[in-house]
Amino acid sequence: LAERRVDETLAALDEGEQVAAEAQQKGSLNPSAFSALQNTISDCRSQLAEQLAEAAHQPSTRGAELRAAISALKRLGDGPRAHTLLLNAHYQRFQYNMQSLRPSNTSYGGAYTAALSQLVFSTIVQAASDSVAV
């Protein structure tokens, strides 16, 4: 539901920019009204970007929800920030998962090493896959 609302908001902002540009070309908006409209649209885009960044920064935001927020942030024109937030989310998840790993005294470290390797490489693969998608 939230993803659909973000898409609707992005579409409305894009439509607002098109309407403003058409009105300026036709001369139906005076320069101050056009400027005010552009500023309002820009402010709305900034507010949406902040909300998406905040959602992406939350530890509870994972998987498809995280990728949707990152994708929307990129569509708003903030690709570098989206990429940084995505990598930070993977790093936070990696740190959390690292805390759950405990070396085992009975297995002489073999199981721990295997689990650690699996965690590291699966995190790298997921981060790379998500990064390419963004």
Foldseek 3Di string as FASTA:
>chain_A
DVLVVLVVLVVVLVVLVVVLVVCVVVVVDDPVRSVVSVVVSVVSLVVLLVVLLVLLQDLVQDDPRNLSSLVSNVVSVNNVSSLVSLLVSLVVVLVVVVVPQDADPVVVRPVSVVVNVVSVVVSVVVSVVSNVVD
